[in-house]
Amino acid sequence: MSQAELRELSPPPDAREQGGVEVLRVFVVDHALSVSLQRAFDDPATWGMLLGDVAQHVARIYGRESEITAEEALERIREALEAGLDRPDEDDGAPKH
């Protein structure tokens, strides 16, 4: 069996210095998402705030590193998120093997 490459991000500097709790980890495996998460918050609305914050970070990266502006990127993310939320959930949460 060959050793597959696993490319991971490092924790952000403030988490390294002050500690923290990892609540979400996402990998792309065979062109599909592989997700590990824990509930972490009492109110599910906090996840909405978290996802909105992540979307803002992603849009800024596109604004810096591509021909797309941050505003355009955020609008495309928003449209895709809404489409994704309207799509039936096909993942039962079971590990992928």
C-alpha atoms as a PDB file:
ATOM      1  CA  MET A   1       0.000   0.000   0.000  1.00  0.00           C
ATOM      2  CA  SER A   2       1.414   3.377  -0.964  1.00  0.00           C
ATOM      3  CA  GLN A   3       1.555   6.297   1.438  1.00  0.00           C
ATOM      4  CA  ALA A   4      -0.960   8.941   0.336  1.00  0.00           C
ATOM      5  CA  GLU A   5       0.016  12.574   0.685  1.00  0.00           C
ATOM      6  CA  LEU A   6      -1.831  14.421   3.438  1.00  0.00           C
ATOM      7  CA  ARG A   7      -1.507  18.207   3.266  1.00  0.00           C
ATOM      8  CA  GLU A   8      -2.649  19.919   6.470  1.00  0.00           C
ATOM      9  CA  LEU A   9      -2.791  23.556   7.493  1.00  0.00           C
ATOM     10  CA  SER A  10      -1.073  24.717  10.649  1.00  0.00           C
ATOM     11  CA  PRO A  11      -3.145  26.199  13.480  1.00  0.00           C
ATOM     12  CA  PRO A  12      -3.329  30.006  13.403  1.00  0.00           C
ATOM     13  CA  PRO A  13      -0.716  31.848  15.493  1.00  0.00           C
ATOM     14  CA  ASP A  14      -3.174  33.014  18.174  1.00  0.00           C
ATOM     15  CA  ALA A  15      -4.413  29.449  18.698  1.00  0.00           C
ATOM     16  CA  ARG A  16      -0.816  28.232  19.019  1.00  0.00           C
ATOM     17  CA  GLU A  17      -0.084  30.907  21.626  1.00  0.00           C
ATOM     18  CA  GLN A  18      -3.340  30.925  23.588  1.00  0.00           C
ATOM     19  CA  GLY A  19      -4.801  27.494  22.908  1.00  0.00           C
ATOM     20  CA  GLY A  20      -8.265  26.845  21.570  1.00  0.00           C
ATOM     21  CA  VAL A  21     -10.671  24.187  20.397  1.00  0.00           C
ATOM     22  CA  GLU A  22     -10.735  22.950  16.810  1.00  0.00           C
ATOM     23  CA  VAL A  23     -14.396  22.710  15.770  1.00  0.00           C
ATOM     24  CA  LEU A  24     -14.176  22.051  12.025  1.00  0.00           C
ATOM     25  CA  ARG A  25     -11.743  20.259   9.744  1.00  0.00           C
ATOM     26  CA  VAL A  26     -12.375  19.814   6.025  1.00  0.00           C
ATOM     27  CA  PHE A  27     -10.343  17.884   3.457  1.00  0.00           C
ATOM     28  CA  VAL A  28     -10.873  17.344  -0.250  1.00  0.00           C
ATOM     29  CA  VAL A  29     -10.568  13.610  -0.992  1.00  0.00           C
ATOM     30  CA  ASP A  30     -11.215  12.313  -4.526  1.00  0.00           C
ATOM     31  CA  HIS A  31     -12.941  15.620  -5.429  1.00  0.00           C
ATOM     32  CA  ALA A  32     -15.376  15.327  -2.490  1.00  0.00           C
ATOM     33  CA  LEU A  33     -15.435  16.935   0.944  1.00  0.00           C
ATOM     34  CA  SER A  34     -14.477  14.913   3.986  1.00  0.00           C
ATOM     35  CA  VAL A  35     -15.594  16.705   7.155  1.00  0.00           C
ATOM     36  CA  SER A  36     -14.869  16.246  10.829  1.00  0.00           C
ATOM     37  CA  LEU A  37     -16.626  18.517  13.312  1.00  0.00           C
ATOM     38  CA  GLN A  38     -18.044  18.790  16.777  1.00  0.00           C
ATOM     39  CA  ARG A  39     -21.213  20.658  17.760  1.00  0.00           C
ATOM     40  CA  ALA A  40     -19.217  23.125  19.904  1.00  0.00           C
ATOM     41  CA  PHE A  41     -21.921  25.801  20.359  1.00  0.00           C
ATOM     42  CA  ASP A  42     -25.208  25.833  22.279  1.00  0.00           C
ATOM     43  CA  ASP A  43     -26.941  27.905  19.606  1.00  0.00           C
ATOM     44  CA  PRO A  44     -26.770  26.637  15.995  1.00  0.00           C
ATOM     45  CA  ALA A  45     -26.930  30.280  14.844  1.00  0.00           C
ATOM     46  CA  THR A  46     -23.302  30.549  15.957  1.00  0.00           C
ATOM     47  CA  TRP A  47     -22.440  28.157  13.119  1.00  0.00           C
ATOM     48  CA  GLY A  48     -24.068  30.611  10.708  1.00  0.00           C
ATOM     49  CA  MET A  49     -21.819  33.366  12.042  1.00  0.00           C
ATOM     50  CA  LEU A  50     -18.790  31.066  11.759  1.00  0.00           C
ATOM     51  CA  LEU A  51     -19.629  30.131   8.152  1.00  0.00           C
ATOM     52  CA  GLY A  52     -20.181  33.801   7.297  1.00  0.00           C
ATOM     53  CA  ASP A  53     -16.796  34.703   8.768  1.00  0.00           C
ATOM     54  CA  VAL A  54     -15.121  31.901   6.817  1.00  0.00           C
ATOM     55  CA  ALA A  55     -16.822  33.126   3.616  1.00  0.00           C
ATOM     56  CA  GLN A  56     -15.415  36.617   4.222  1.00  0.00           C
ATOM     57  CA  HIS A  57     -11.900  35.200   4.674  1.00  0.00           C
ATOM     58  CA  VAL A  58     -12.199  33.126   1.498  1.00  0.00           C
ATOM     59  CA  ALA A  59     -13.470  36.127  -0.498  1.00  0.00           C
ATOM     60  CA  ARG A  60     -10.515  38.237   0.666  1.00  0.00           C
ATOM     61  CA  ILE A  61      -8.083  35.513  -0.442  1.00  0.00           C
ATOM     62  CA  TYR A  62      -9.666  35.456  -3.906  1.00  0.00           C
ATOM     63  CA  GLY A  63      -9.510  39.255  -3.995  1.00  0.00           C
ATOM     64  CA  ARG A  64      -5.772  39.140  -3.272  1.00  0.00           C
ATOM     65  CA  GLU A  65      -4.765  36.072  -5.280  1.00  0.00           C
ATOM     66  CA  SER A  66      -6.973  36.074  -8.384  1.00  0.00           C
ATOM     67  CA  GLU A  67      -8.620  38.294 -10.986  1.00  0.00           C
ATOM     68  CA  ILE A  68     -11.917  38.125  -9.032  1.00  0.00           C
ATOM     69  CA  THR A  69     -12.607  40.938  -6.578  1.00  0.00           C
ATOM     70  CA  ALA A  70     -13.419  40.079  -2.972  1.00  0.00           C
ATOM     71  CA  GLU A  71     -16.951  41.393  -3.542  1.00  0.00           C
ATOM     72  CA  GLU A  72     -17.467  39.196  -6.615  1.00  0.00           C
ATOM     73  CA  ALA A  73     -16.066  36.187  -4.791  1.00  0.00           C
ATOM     74  CA  LEU A  74     -18.352  36.749  -1.815  1.00  0.00           C
ATOM     75  CA  GLU A  75     -21.405  37.003  -4.070  1.00  0.00           C
ATOM     76  CA  ARG A  76     -20.477  33.739  -5.828  1.00  0.00           C
ATOM     77  CA  ILE A  77     -19.935  32.067  -2.436  1.00  0.00           C
ATOM     78  CA  ARG A  78     -23.315  33.366  -1.224  1.00  0.00           C
ATOM     79  CA  GLU A  79     -25.119  32.032  -4.308  1.00  0.00           C
ATOM     80  CA  ALA A  80     -23.454  28.625  -4.041  1.00  0.00           C
ATOM     81  CA  LEU A  81     -24.154  28.430  -0.301  1.00  0.00           C
ATOM     82  CA  GLU A  82     -27.842  29.141  -0.845  1.00  0.00           C
ATOM     83  CA  ALA A  83     -27.972  26.519  -3.611  1.00  0.00           C
ATOM     84  CA  GLY A  84     -26.184  24.034  -1.367  1.00  0.00           C
ATOM     85  CA  LEU A  85     -28.601  24.645   1.493  1.00  0.00           C
ATOM     86  CA  ASP A  86     -31.542  23.978  -0.836  1.00  0.00           C
ATOM     87  CA  ARG A  87     -30.047  20.670  -2.018  1.00  0.00           C
ATOM     88  CA  PRO A  88     -31.122  17.487  -0.185  1.00  0.00           C
ATOM     89  CA  ASP A  89     -28.513  16.176   2.271  1.00  0.00           C
ATOM     90  CA  GLU A  90     -27.065  12.969   0.858  1.00  0.00           C
ATOM     91  CA  ASP A  91     -24.498  12.494   3.634  1.00  0.00           C
ATOM     92  CA  ASP A  92     -25.624  10.382   6.579  1.00  0.00           C
ATOM     93  CA  GLY A  93     -22.574  11.413   8.622  1.00  0.00           C
ATOM     94  CA  ALA A  94     -21.018   7.953   8.376  1.00  0.00           C
ATOM     95  CA  PRO A  95     -17.260   7.758   7.744  1.00  0.00           C
ATOM     96  CA  LYS A  96     -16.270   7.353   4.111  1.00  0.00           C
ATOM     97  CA  HIS A  97     -14.253   4.191   3.394  1.00  0.00           C
END
